[in-house]
């Protein structure tokens, strides 16, 4: 079960996020759990597999917004990096960025169990 303490240990800025949620801890936890059903990471990976940088940017940007609003810093930071590279439509190997995002995503999912 995910808790504020676990999110703090993960590196989330829970104080900032709770301000957005007007101090409602249960709302914040519920919103964090929606990450498990957000399909933007899969869309991002699929778009990169097809080398569709436009679609990849759209998915990365949407994911960045969600993560930023939830102040999930460990996952947000690498998503910001890839989003900016995709904004420039930079032709490159995005694998290290995806690997880092997936690693931090999996850590977050483990907290939700």
PDB file of N, CA and C in Angstrom:
ATOM      1  N   UNK A   1       0.846  -1.184   0.000  1.00  0.00           N
ATOM      2  CA  UNK A   1       0.000   0.000   0.000  1.00  0.00           C
ATOM      3  C   UNK A   1       0.887   1.242   0.000  1.00  0.00           C
ATOM      4  N   UNK A   2       0.565   2.158  -0.838  1.00  0.00           N
ATOM      5  CA  UNK A   2       1.354   3.377  -0.937  1.00  0.00           C
ATOM      6  C   UNK A   2       0.995   4.334   0.202  1.00  0.00           C
ATOM      7  N   UNK A   3       2.021   4.979   0.737  1.00  0.00           N
ATOM      8  CA  UNK A   3       1.827   5.938   1.821  1.00  0.00           C
ATOM      9  C   UNK A   3       2.661   7.183   1.528  1.00  0.00           C
ATOM     10  N   UNK A   4       2.377   8.249   2.256  1.00  0.00           N
ATOM     11  CA  UNK A   4       3.181   9.460   2.117  1.00  0.00           C
ATOM     12  C   UNK A   4       4.631   9.188   2.477  1.00  0.00           C
ATOM     13  N   UNK A   5       4.861   8.421   3.523  1.00  0.00           N
ATOM     14  CA  UNK A   5       6.232   8.101   3.921  1.00  0.00           C
ATOM     15  C   UNK A   5       6.987   7.390   2.805  1.00  0.00           C
ATOM     16  N   UNK A   6       6.341   6.444   2.157  1.00  0.00           N
ATOM     17  CA  UNK A   6       6.980   5.740   1.038  1.00  0.00           C
ATOM     18  C   UNK A   6       7.269   6.698  -0.108  1.00  0.00           C
ATOM     19  N   UNK A   7       6.356   7.606  -0.363  1.00  0.00           N
ATOM     20  CA  UNK A   7       6.561   8.568  -1.441  1.00  0.00           C
ATOM     21  C   UNK A   7       7.700   9.532  -1.122  1.00  0.00           C
ATOM     22  N   UNK A   8       7.820   9.914   0.141  1.00  0.00           N
ATOM     23  CA  UNK A   8       8.934  10.769   0.561  1.00  0.00           C
ATOM     24  C   UNK A   8      10.260  10.031   0.345  1.00  0.00           C
ATOM     25  N   UNK A   9      10.312   8.765   0.768  1.00  0.00           N
ATOM     26  CA  UNK A   9      11.530   7.956   0.581  1.00  0.00           C
ATOM     27  C   UNK A   9      11.842   7.771  -0.903  1.00  0.00           C
ATOM     28  N   UNK A  10      10.830   7.681  -1.720  1.00  0.00           N
ATOM     29  CA  UNK A  10      10.990   7.562  -3.174  1.00  0.00           C
ATOM     30  C   UNK A  10      11.613   8.836  -3.748  1.00  0.00           C
ATOM     31  N   UNK A  11      11.333   9.964  -3.097  1.00  0.00           N
ATOM     32  CA  UNK A  11      11.878  11.240  -3.564  1.00  0.00           C
ATOM     33  C   UNK A  11      10.836  12.222  -4.045  1.00  0.00           C
ATOM     34  N   UNK A  12       9.569  11.879  -3.864  1.00  0.00           N
ATOM     35  CA  UNK A  12       8.493  12.781  -4.277  1.00  0.00           C
ATOM     36  C   UNK A  12       8.465  14.001  -3.358  1.00  0.00           C
ATOM     37  N   UNK A  13       8.120  15.115  -3.925  1.00  0.00           N
ATOM     38  CA  UNK A  13       7.964  16.342  -3.139  1.00  0.00           C
ATOM     39  C   UNK A  13       6.513  16.386  -2.672  1.00  0.00           C
ATOM     40  N   UNK A  14       6.242  15.634  -1.628  1.00  0.00           N
ATOM     41  CA  UNK A  14       4.860  15.474  -1.167  1.00  0.00           C
ATOM     42  C   UNK A  14       4.288  16.776  -0.615  1.00  0.00           C
ATOM     43  N   UNK A  15       5.137  17.597  -0.026  1.00  0.00           N
ATOM     44  CA  UNK A  15       4.651  18.873   0.503  1.00  0.00           C
ATOM     45  C   UNK A  15       4.089  19.735  -0.632  1.00  0.00           C
ATOM     46  N   UNK A  16       4.836  19.817  -1.713  1.00  0.00           N
ATOM     47  CA  UNK A  16       4.387  20.592  -2.881  1.00  0.00           C
ATOM     48  C   UNK A  16       3.099  19.998  -3.461  1.00  0.00           C
ATOM     49  N   UNK A  17       3.079  18.681  -3.588  1.00  0.00           N
ATOM     50  CA  UNK A  17       1.906  18.011  -4.158  1.00  0.00           C
ATOM     51  C   UNK A  17       0.678  18.176  -3.271  1.00  0.00           C
ATOM     52  N   UNK A  18       0.872  18.069  -1.986  1.00  0.00           N
ATOM     53  CA  UNK A  18      -0.261  18.231  -1.065  1.00  0.00           C
ATOM     54  C   UNK A  18      -0.809  19.647  -1.102  1.00  0.00           C
ATOM     55  N   UNK A  19       0.038  20.624  -1.355  1.00  0.00           N
ATOM     56  CA  UNK A  19      -0.458  21.992  -1.531  1.00  0.00           C
ATOM     57  C   UNK A  19      -1.403  22.061  -2.722  1.00  0.00           C
ATOM     58  N   UNK A  20      -1.073  21.339  -3.786  1.00  0.00           N
ATOM     59  CA  UNK A  20      -1.949  21.312  -4.962  1.00  0.00           C
ATOM     60  C   UNK A  20      -3.275  20.622  -4.663  1.00  0.00           C
ATOM     61  N   UNK A  21      -3.220  19.690  -3.724  1.00  0.00           N
ATOM     62  CA  UNK A  21      -4.416  18.923  -3.341  1.00  0.00           C
ATOM     63  C   UNK A  21      -5.082  19.505  -2.098  1.00  0.00           C
ATOM     64  N   UNK A  22      -4.749  20.722  -1.767  1.00  0.00           N
ATOM     65  CA  UNK A  22      -5.340  21.406  -0.610  1.00  0.00           C
ATOM     66  C   UNK A  22      -5.199  20.590   0.667  1.00  0.00           C
ATOM     67  N   UNK A  23      -4.054  19.891   0.793  1.00  0.00           N
ATOM     68  CA  UNK A  23      -3.771  19.128   2.001  1.00  0.00           C
ATOM     69  C   UNK A  23      -4.489  17.799   2.111  1.00  0.00           C
ATOM     70  N   UNK A  24      -5.209  17.413   1.074  1.00  0.00           N
ATOM     71  CA  UNK A  24      -5.997  16.183   1.113  1.00  0.00           C
ATOM     72  C   UNK A  24      -5.108  14.983   0.747  1.00  0.00           C
ATOM     73  N   UNK A  25      -4.602  14.324   1.763  1.00  0.00           N
ATOM     74  CA  UNK A  25      -3.680  13.201   1.571  1.00  0.00           C
ATOM     75  C   UNK A  25      -4.315  12.064   0.789  1.00  0.00           C
ATOM     76  N   UNK A  26      -5.541  11.713   1.122  1.00  0.00           N
ATOM     77  CA  UNK A  26      -6.175  10.585   0.423  1.00  0.00           C
ATOM     78  C   UNK A  26      -6.377  10.901  -1.056  1.00  0.00           C
ATOM     79  N   UNK A  27      -6.696  12.147  -1.375  1.00  0.00           N
ATOM     80  CA  UNK A  27      -6.818  12.537  -2.787  1.00  0.00           C
ATOM     81  C   UNK A  27      -5.477  12.404  -3.486  1.00  0.00           C
ATOM     82  N   UNK A  28      -4.429  12.894  -2.854  1.00  0.00           N
ATOM     83  CA  UNK A  28      -3.098  12.805  -3.456  1.00  0.00           C
ATOM     84  C   UNK A  28      -2.702  11.351  -3.704  1.00  0.00           C
ATOM     85  N   UNK A  29      -2.888  10.498  -2.715  1.00  0.00           N
ATOM     86  CA  UNK A  29      -2.549   9.072  -2.869  1.00  0.00           C
ATOM     87  C   UNK A  29      -3.361   8.473  -4.016  1.00  0.00           C
ATOM     88  N   UNK A  30      -4.627   8.804  -4.083  1.00  0.00           N
ATOM     89  CA  UNK A  30      -5.489   8.288  -5.155  1.00  0.00           C
ATOM     90  C   UNK A  30      -4.974   8.747  -6.520  1.00  0.00           C
ATOM     91  N   UNK A  31      -4.571  10.007  -6.613  1.00  0.00           N
ATOM     92  CA  UNK A  31      -4.041  10.523  -7.878  1.00  0.00           C
ATOM     93  C   UNK A  31      -2.726   9.846  -8.249  1.00  0.00           C
ATOM     94  N   UNK A  32      -1.873   9.618  -7.280  1.00  0.00           N
ATOM     95  CA  UNK A  32      -0.604   8.924  -7.555  1.00  0.00           C
ATOM     96  C   UNK A  32      -0.887   7.533  -8.105  1.00  0.00           C
ATOM     97  N   UNK A  33      -1.869   6.865  -7.566  1.00  0.00           N
ATOM     98  CA  UNK A  33      -2.196   5.512  -8.019  1.00  0.00           C
ATOM     99  C   UNK A  33      -2.714   5.482  -9.457  1.00  0.00           C
ATOM    100  N   UNK A  34      -3.186   6.616  -9.963  1.00  0.00           N
ATOM    101  CA  UNK A  34      -3.641   6.638 -11.356  1.00  0.00           C
ATOM    102  C   UNK A  34      -2.485   6.448 -12.331  1.00  0.00           C
ATOM    103  N   UNK A  35      -1.271   6.632 -11.862  1.00  0.00           N
ATOM    104  CA  UNK A  35      -0.104   6.419 -12.722  1.00  0.00           C
ATOM    105  C   UNK A  35      -0.092   4.987 -13.248  1.00  0.00           C
ATOM    106  N   UNK A  36      -0.608   4.063 -12.463  1.00  0.00           N
ATOM    107  CA  UNK A  36      -0.595   2.655 -12.882  1.00  0.00           C
ATOM    108  C   UNK A  36      -1.475   2.405 -14.101  1.00  0.00           C
ATOM    109  N   UNK A  37      -2.419   3.312 -14.365  1.00  0.00           N
ATOM    110  CA  UNK A  37      -3.297   3.125 -15.522  1.00  0.00           C
ATOM    111  C   UNK A  37      -3.044   4.148 -16.628  1.00  0.00           C
ATOM    112  N   UNK A  38      -2.108   5.057 -16.404  1.00  0.00           N
ATOM    113  CA  UNK A  38      -1.757   6.050 -17.425  1.00  0.00           C
ATOM    114  C   UNK A  38      -1.001   5.336 -18.539  1.00  0.00           C
ATOM    115  N   UNK A  39      -1.445   5.500 -19.777  1.00  0.00           N
ATOM    116  CA  UNK A  39      -0.825   4.779 -20.886  1.00  0.00           C
ATOM    117  C   UNK A  39       0.206   5.603 -21.664  1.00  0.00           C
ATOM    118  N   UNK A  40       0.549   6.774 -21.173  1.00  0.00           N
ATOM    119  CA  UNK A  40       1.479   7.623 -21.913  1.00  0.00           C
ATOM    120  C   UNK A  40       2.897   7.070 -21.981  1.00  0.00           C
ATOM    121  N   UNK A  41       3.334   6.329 -20.985  1.00  0.00           N
ATOM    122  CA  UNK A  41       4.659   5.719 -21.070  1.00  0.00           C
ATOM    123  C   UNK A  41       4.688   4.681 -22.190  1.00  0.00           C
ATOM    124  N   UNK A  42       3.644   3.869 -22.283  1.00  0.00           N
ATOM    125  CA  UNK A  42       3.570   2.883 -23.376  1.00  0.00           C
ATOM    126  C   UNK A  42       3.493   3.573 -24.734  1.00  0.00           C
ATOM    127  N   UNK A  43       2.699   4.635 -24.806  1.00  0.00           N
ATOM    128  CA  UNK A  43       2.613   5.400 -26.050  1.00  0.00           C
ATOM    129  C   UNK A  43       3.976   5.965 -26.432  1.00  0.00           C
ATOM    130  N   UNK A  44       4.706   6.460 -25.446  1.00  0.00           N
ATOM    131  CA  UNK A  44       6.035   7.013 -25.692  1.00  0.00           C
ATOM    132  C   UNK A  44       6.974   5.936 -26.237  1.00  0.00           C
ATOM    133  N   UNK A  45       7.000   4.793 -25.583  1.00  0.00           N
ATOM    134  CA  UNK A  45       7.872   3.704 -26.034  1.00  0.00           C
ATOM    135  C   UNK A  45       7.491   3.231 -27.430  1.00  0.00           C
ATOM    136  N   UNK A  46       6.199   3.069 -27.683  1.00  0.00           N
ATOM    137  CA  UNK A  46       5.749   2.618 -28.998  1.00  0.00           C
ATOM    138  C   UNK A  46       6.089   3.623 -30.087  1.00  0.00           C
ATOM    139  N   UNK A  47       5.907   4.899 -29.796  1.00  0.00           N
ATOM    140  CA  UNK A  47       6.215   5.934 -30.779  1.00  0.00           C
ATOM    141  C   UNK A  47       7.709   5.949 -31.093  1.00  0.00           C
ATOM    142  N   UNK A  48       8.532   5.780 -30.079  1.00  0.00           N
ATOM    143  CA  UNK A  48       9.973   5.748 -30.321  1.00  0.00           C
ATOM    144  C   UNK A  48      10.368   4.507 -31.110  1.00  0.00           C
ATOM    145  N   UNK A  49       9.704   3.391 -30.846  1.00  0.00           N
ATOM    146  CA  UNK A  49       9.967   2.176 -31.622  1.00  0.00           C
ATOM    147  C   UNK A  49       9.676   2.395 -33.104  1.00  0.00           C
ATOM    148  N   UNK A  50       8.669   3.242 -33.388  1.00  0.00           N
ATOM    149  CA  UNK A  50       8.302   3.557 -34.780  1.00  0.00           C
ATOM    150  C   UNK A  50       9.071   4.774 -35.309  1.00  0.00           C
ATOM    151  N   UNK A  51       9.932   5.343 -34.457  1.00  0.00           N
ATOM    152  CA  UNK A  51      10.662   6.559 -34.779  1.00  0.00           C
ATOM    153  C   UNK A  51       9.729   7.724 -35.125  1.00  0.00           C
ATOM    154  N   UNK A  52       8.586   7.745 -34.479  1.00  0.00           N
ATOM    155  CA  UNK A  52       7.623   8.832 -34.664  1.00  0.00           C
ATOM    156  C   UNK A  52       7.860   9.857 -33.554  1.00  0.00           C
ATOM    157  N   UNK A  53       8.720  10.826 -33.838  1.00  0.00           N
ATOM    158  CA  UNK A  53       9.110  11.792 -32.818  1.00  0.00           C
ATOM    159  C   UNK A  53       7.974  12.735 -32.441  1.00  0.00           C
ATOM    160  N   UNK A  54       7.064  12.980 -33.359  1.00  0.00           N
ATOM    161  CA  UNK A  54       5.912  13.830 -33.039  1.00  0.00           C
ATOM    162  C   UNK A  54       5.013  13.157 -32.007  1.00  0.00           C
ATOM    163  N   UNK A  55       4.672  11.925 -32.276  1.00  0.00           N
ATOM    164  CA  UNK A  55       3.827  11.171 -31.341  1.00  0.00           C
ATOM    165  C   UNK A  55       4.553  10.948 -30.012  1.00  0.00           C
ATOM    166  N   UNK A  56       5.853  10.684 -30.085  1.00  0.00           N
ATOM    167  CA  UNK A  56       6.639  10.488 -28.869  1.00  0.00           C
ATOM    168  C   UNK A  56       6.641  11.753 -28.021  1.00  0.00           C
ATOM    169  N   UNK A  57       6.781  12.898 -28.672  1.00  0.00           N
ATOM    170  CA  UNK A  57       6.753  14.162 -27.938  1.00  0.00           C
ATOM    171  C   UNK A  57       5.407  14.361 -27.244  1.00  0.00           C
ATOM    172  N   UNK A  58       4.331  14.082 -27.954  1.00  0.00           N
ATOM    173  CA  UNK A  58       2.990  14.253 -27.371  1.00  0.00           C
ATOM    174  C   UNK A  58       2.836  13.404 -26.106  1.00  0.00           C
ATOM    175  N   UNK A  59       3.263  12.150 -26.188  1.00  0.00           N
ATOM    176  CA  UNK A  59       3.143  11.248 -25.039  1.00  0.00           C
ATOM    177  C   UNK A  59       4.055  11.689 -23.898  1.00  0.00           C
ATOM    178  N   UNK A  60       5.283  12.067 -24.206  1.00  0.00           N
ATOM    179  CA  UNK A  60       6.229  12.504 -23.174  1.00  0.00           C
ATOM    180  C   UNK A  60       5.722  13.770 -22.493  1.00  0.00           C
ATOM    181  N   UNK A  61       5.190  14.683 -23.283  1.00  0.00           N
ATOM    182  CA  UNK A  61       4.696  15.943 -22.739  1.00  0.00           C
ATOM    183  C   UNK A  61       3.502  15.705 -21.808  1.00  0.00           C
ATOM    184  N   UNK A  62       2.600  14.831 -22.206  1.00  0.00           N
ATOM    185  CA  UNK A  62       1.442  14.508 -21.361  1.00  0.00           C
ATOM    186  C   UNK A  62       1.898  13.840 -20.062  1.00  0.00           C
ATOM    187  N   UNK A  63       2.830  12.915 -20.169  1.00  0.00           N
ATOM    188  CA  UNK A  63       3.355  12.224 -18.996  1.00  0.00           C
ATOM    189  C   UNK A  63       4.057  13.217 -18.071  1.00  0.00           C
ATOM    190  N   UNK A  64       4.832  14.108 -18.644  1.00  0.00           N
ATOM    191  CA  UNK A  64       5.533  15.131 -17.862  1.00  0.00           C
ATOM    192  C   UNK A  64       4.544  15.976 -17.057  1.00  0.00           C
ATOM    193  N   UNK A  65       3.458  16.359 -17.674  1.00  0.00           N
ATOM    194  CA  UNK A  65       2.456  17.168 -16.982  1.00  0.00           C
ATOM    195  C   UNK A  65       1.860  16.453 -15.786  1.00  0.00           C
ATOM    196  N   UNK A  66       1.510  15.211 -15.970  1.00  0.00           N
ATOM    197  CA  UNK A  66       0.943  14.419 -14.873  1.00  0.00           C
ATOM    198  C   UNK A  66       1.945  14.267 -13.736  1.00  0.00           C
ATOM    199  N   UNK A  67       3.166  13.901 -14.088  1.00  0.00           N
ATOM    200  CA  UNK A  67       4.191  13.677 -13.068  1.00  0.00           C
ATOM    201  C   UNK A  67       4.557  14.960 -12.340  1.00  0.00           C
ATOM    202  N   UNK A  68       4.579  16.052 -13.079  1.00  0.00           N
ATOM    203  CA  UNK A  68       4.885  17.338 -12.458  1.00  0.00           C
ATOM    204  C   UNK A  68       3.807  17.754 -11.485  1.00  0.00           C
ATOM    205  N   UNK A  69       2.561  17.578 -11.864  1.00  0.00           N
ATOM    206  CA  UNK A  69       1.456  17.937 -10.973  1.00  0.00           C
ATOM    207  C   UNK A  69       1.461  17.101  -9.695  1.00  0.00           C
ATOM    208  N   UNK A  70       1.947  15.873  -9.805  1.00  0.00           N
ATOM    209  CA  UNK A  70       2.000  14.991  -8.641  1.00  0.00           C
ATOM    210  C   UNK A  70       3.332  15.096  -7.896  1.00  0.00           C
ATOM    211  N   UNK A  71       4.233  15.919  -8.408  1.00  0.00           N
ATOM    212  CA  UNK A  71       5.556  16.143  -7.792  1.00  0.00           C
ATOM    213  C   UNK A  71       6.314  14.835  -7.574  1.00  0.00           C
ATOM    214  N   UNK A  72       6.227  13.941  -8.550  1.00  0.00           N
ATOM    215  CA  UNK A  72       6.944  12.663  -8.494  1.00  0.00           C
ATOM    216  C   UNK A  72       8.325  12.859  -9.116  1.00  0.00           C
ATOM    217  N   UNK A  73       9.153  13.582  -8.411  1.00  0.00           N
ATOM    218  CA  UNK A  73      10.430  14.080  -8.900  1.00  0.00           C
ATOM    219  C   UNK A  73      11.334  13.029  -9.543  1.00  0.00           C
ATOM    220  N   UNK A  74      11.538  11.858  -8.939  1.00  0.00           N
ATOM    221  CA  UNK A  74      12.446  10.887  -9.556  1.00  0.00           C
ATOM    222  C   UNK A  74      12.000  10.430 -10.949  1.00  0.00           C
ATOM    223  N   UNK A  75      10.726  10.430 -11.172  1.00  0.00           N
ATOM    224  CA  UNK A  75      10.174  10.043 -12.465  1.00  0.00           C
ATOM    225  C   UNK A  75      10.002  11.259 -13.369  1.00  0.00           C
ATOM    226  N   UNK A  76       9.709  12.375 -12.771  1.00  0.00           N
ATOM    227  CA  UNK A  76       9.500  13.619 -13.510  1.00  0.00           C
ATOM    228  C   UNK A  76      10.780  14.105 -14.200  1.00  0.00           C
ATOM    229  N   UNK A  77      11.898  14.093 -13.484  1.00  0.00           N
ATOM    230  CA  UNK A  77      13.130  14.668 -14.026  1.00  0.00           C
ATOM    231  C   UNK A  77      13.597  14.008 -15.327  1.00  0.00           C
ATOM    232  N   UNK A  78      13.683  12.674 -15.410  1.00  0.00           N
ATOM    233  CA  UNK A  78      14.092  12.103 -16.696  1.00  0.00           C
ATOM    234  C   UNK A  78      13.038  12.304 -17.792  1.00  0.00           C
ATOM    235  N   UNK A  79      11.782  12.448 -17.381  1.00  0.00           N
ATOM    236  CA  UNK A  79      10.719  12.705 -18.356  1.00  0.00           C
ATOM    237  C   UNK A  79      10.856  14.113 -18.926  1.00  0.00           C
ATOM    238  N   UNK A  80      11.266  15.065 -18.108  1.00  0.00           N
ATOM    239  CA  UNK A  80      11.530  16.424 -18.599  1.00  0.00           C
ATOM    240  C   UNK A  80      12.645  16.391 -19.629  1.00  0.00           C
ATOM    241  N   UNK A  81      13.710  15.655 -19.329  1.00  0.00           N
ATOM    242  CA  UNK A  81      14.855  15.576 -20.245  1.00  0.00           C
ATOM    243  C   UNK A  81      14.439  15.037 -21.609  1.00  0.00           C
ATOM    244  N   UNK A  82      13.728  13.923 -21.618  1.00  0.00           N
ATOM    245  CA  UNK A  82      13.339  13.327 -22.894  1.00  0.00           C
ATOM    246  C   UNK A  82      12.331  14.212 -23.625  1.00  0.00           C
ATOM    247  N   UNK A  83      11.467  14.873 -22.869  1.00  0.00           N
ATOM    248  CA  UNK A  83      10.481  15.758 -23.490  1.00  0.00           C
ATOM    249  C   UNK A  83      11.168  16.885 -24.241  1.00  0.00           C
ATOM    250  N   UNK A  84      12.178  17.471 -23.633  1.00  0.00           N
ATOM    251  CA  UNK A  84      12.872  18.588 -24.288  1.00  0.00           C
ATOM    252  C   UNK A  84      13.647  18.127 -25.512  1.00  0.00           C
ATOM    253  N   UNK A  85      14.236  16.963 -25.456  1.00  0.00           N
ATOM    254  CA  UNK A  85      14.921  16.423 -26.637  1.00  0.00           C
ATOM    255  C   UNK A  85      13.921  16.148 -27.752  1.00  0.00           C
ATOM    256  N   UNK A  86      12.775  15.609 -27.378  1.00  0.00           N
ATOM    257  CA  UNK A  86      11.740  15.327 -28.376  1.00  0.00           C
ATOM    258  C   UNK A  86      11.104  16.601 -28.902  1.00  0.00           C
ATOM    259  N   UNK A  87      11.019  17.618 -28.085  1.00  0.00           N
ATOM    260  CA  UNK A  87      10.488  18.902 -28.540  1.00  0.00           C
ATOM    261  C   UNK A  87      11.338  19.419 -29.706  1.00  0.00           C
ATOM    262  N   UNK A  88      12.650  19.196 -29.614  1.00  0.00           N
ATOM    263  CA  UNK A  88      13.576  19.611 -30.667  1.00  0.00           C
ATOM    264  C   UNK A  88      13.626  18.594 -31.804  1.00  0.00           C
ATOM    265  N   UNK A  89      12.875  17.500 -31.650  1.00  0.00           N
ATOM    266  CA  UNK A  89      12.842  16.414 -32.650  1.00  0.00           C
ATOM    267  C   UNK A  89      14.251  15.913 -32.961  1.00  0.00           C
ATOM    268  N   UNK A  90      15.042  15.782 -31.900  1.00  0.00           N
ATOM    269  CA  UNK A  90      16.423  15.348 -32.034  1.00  0.00           C
ATOM    270  C   UNK A  90      16.472  13.865 -32.397  1.00  0.00           C
ATOM    271  N   UNK A  91      17.139  13.567 -33.505  1.00  0.00           N
ATOM    272  CA  UNK A  91      17.330  12.179 -33.933  1.00  0.00           C
ATOM    273  C   UNK A  91      18.460  11.581 -33.110  1.00  0.00           C
ATOM    274  N   UNK A  92      18.138  10.611 -32.285  1.00  0.00           N
ATOM    275  CA  UNK A  92      19.141  10.006 -31.407  1.00  0.00           C
ATOM    276  C   UNK A  92      18.593   8.713 -30.824  1.00  0.00           C
ATOM    277  N   UNK A  93      19.438   8.031 -30.052  1.00  0.00           N
ATOM    278  CA  UNK A  93      19.008   6.835 -29.337  1.00  0.00           C
ATOM    279  C   UNK A  93      18.428   7.272 -27.989  1.00  0.00           C
ATOM    280  N   UNK A  94      17.153   7.086 -27.826  1.00  0.00           N
ATOM    281  CA  UNK A  94      16.466   7.498 -26.602  1.00  0.00           C
ATOM    282  C   UNK A  94      16.444   6.397 -25.542  1.00  0.00           C
ATOM    283  N   UNK A  95      17.058   5.278 -25.826  1.00  0.00           N
ATOM    284  CA  UNK A  95      17.021   4.127 -24.927  1.00  0.00           C
ATOM    285  C   UNK A  95      17.465   4.452 -23.503  1.00  0.00           C
ATOM    286  N   UNK A  96      18.575   5.179 -23.292  1.00  0.00           N
ATOM    287  CA  UNK A  96      18.967   5.463 -21.898  1.00  0.00           C
ATOM    288  C   UNK A  96      17.906   6.257 -21.134  1.00  0.00           C
ATOM    289  N   UNK A  97      17.209   7.140 -21.811  1.00  0.00           N
ATOM    290  CA  UNK A  97      16.157   7.921 -21.161  1.00  0.00           C
ATOM    291  C   UNK A  97      14.962   7.040 -20.819  1.00  0.00           C
ATOM    292  N   UNK A  98      14.573   6.225 -21.771  1.00  0.00           N
ATOM    293  CA  UNK A  98      13.449   5.305 -21.533  1.00  0.00           C
ATOM    294  C   UNK A  98      13.792   4.345 -20.402  1.00  0.00           C
ATOM    295  N   UNK A  99      15.020   3.822 -20.413  1.00  0.00           N
ATOM    296  CA  UNK A  99      15.426   2.888 -19.362  1.00  0.00           C
ATOM    297  C   UNK A  99      15.326   3.533 -17.982  1.00  0.00           C
ATOM    298  N   UNK A 100      15.751   4.779 -17.855  1.00  0.00           N
ATOM    299  CA  UNK A 100      15.697   5.485 -16.576  1.00  0.00           C
ATOM    300  C   UNK A 100      14.247   5.729 -16.156  1.00  0.00           C
ATOM    301  N   UNK A 101      13.422   6.132 -17.107  1.00  0.00           N
ATOM    302  CA  UNK A 101      12.006   6.368 -16.809  1.00  0.00           C
ATOM    303  C   UNK A 101      11.330   5.071 -16.371  1.00  0.00           C
ATOM    304  N   UNK A 102      11.588   4.004 -17.084  1.00  0.00           N
ATOM    305  CA  UNK A 102      10.989   2.706 -16.741  1.00  0.00           C
ATOM    306  C   UNK A 102      11.472   2.250 -15.360  1.00  0.00           C
ATOM    307  N   UNK A 103      12.742   2.448 -15.068  1.00  0.00           N
ATOM    308  CA  UNK A 103      13.279   2.078 -13.753  1.00  0.00           C
ATOM    309  C   UNK A 103      12.534   2.822 -12.642  1.00  0.00           C
ATOM    310  N   UNK A 104      12.383   4.123 -12.794  1.00  0.00           N
ATOM    311  CA  UNK A 104      11.712   4.928 -11.765  1.00  0.00           C
ATOM    312  C   UNK A 104      10.209   4.635 -11.726  1.00  0.00           C
ATOM    313  N   UNK A 105       9.630   4.340 -12.880  1.00  0.00           N
ATOM    314  CA  UNK A 105       8.219   3.955 -12.953  1.00  0.00           C
ATOM    315  C   UNK A 105       8.002   2.654 -12.174  1.00  0.00           C
ATOM    316  N   UNK A 106       8.872   1.681 -12.409  1.00  0.00           N
ATOM    317  CA  UNK A 106       8.740   0.396 -11.721  1.00  0.00           C
ATOM    318  C   UNK A 106       8.912   0.538 -10.213  1.00  0.00           C
ATOM    319  N   UNK A 107       9.812   1.425  -9.792  1.00  0.00           N
ATOM    320  CA  UNK A 107       9.967   1.693  -8.352  1.00  0.00           C
ATOM    321  C   UNK A 107       8.664   2.257  -7.771  1.00  0.00           C
ATOM    322  N   UNK A 108       8.039   3.154  -8.515  1.00  0.00           N
ATOM    323  CA  UNK A 108       6.777   3.742  -8.055  1.00  0.00           C
ATOM    324  C   UNK A 108       5.679   2.691  -8.013  1.00  0.00           C
ATOM    325  N   UNK A 109       5.600   1.865  -9.034  1.00  0.00           N
ATOM    326  CA  UNK A 109       4.575   0.813  -9.077  1.00  0.00           C
ATOM    327  C   UNK A 109       4.762  -0.138  -7.884  1.00  0.00           C
ATOM    328  N   UNK A 110       5.997  -0.443  -7.540  1.00  0.00           N
ATOM    329  CA  UNK A 110       6.243  -1.327  -6.392  1.00  0.00           C
ATOM    330  C   UNK A 110       5.714  -0.715  -5.102  1.00  0.00           C
ATOM    331  N   UNK A 111       5.741   0.608  -5.004  1.00  0.00           N
ATOM    332  CA  UNK A 111       5.198   1.278  -3.819  1.00  0.00           C
ATOM    333  C   UNK A 111       3.675   1.169  -3.745  1.00  0.00           C
ATOM    334  N   UNK A 112       3.053   1.011  -4.875  1.00  0.00           N
ATOM    335  CA  UNK A 112       1.582   0.960  -4.943  1.00  0.00           C
ATOM    336  C   UNK A 112       1.035  -0.406  -4.525  1.00  0.00           C
ATOM    337  N   UNK A 113       1.887  -1.412  -4.499  1.00  0.00           N
ATOM    338  CA  UNK A 113       1.426  -2.770  -4.136  1.00  0.00           C
ATOM    339  C   UNK A 113       1.186  -2.907  -2.664  1.00  0.00           C
TER     340      UNK A 113
END
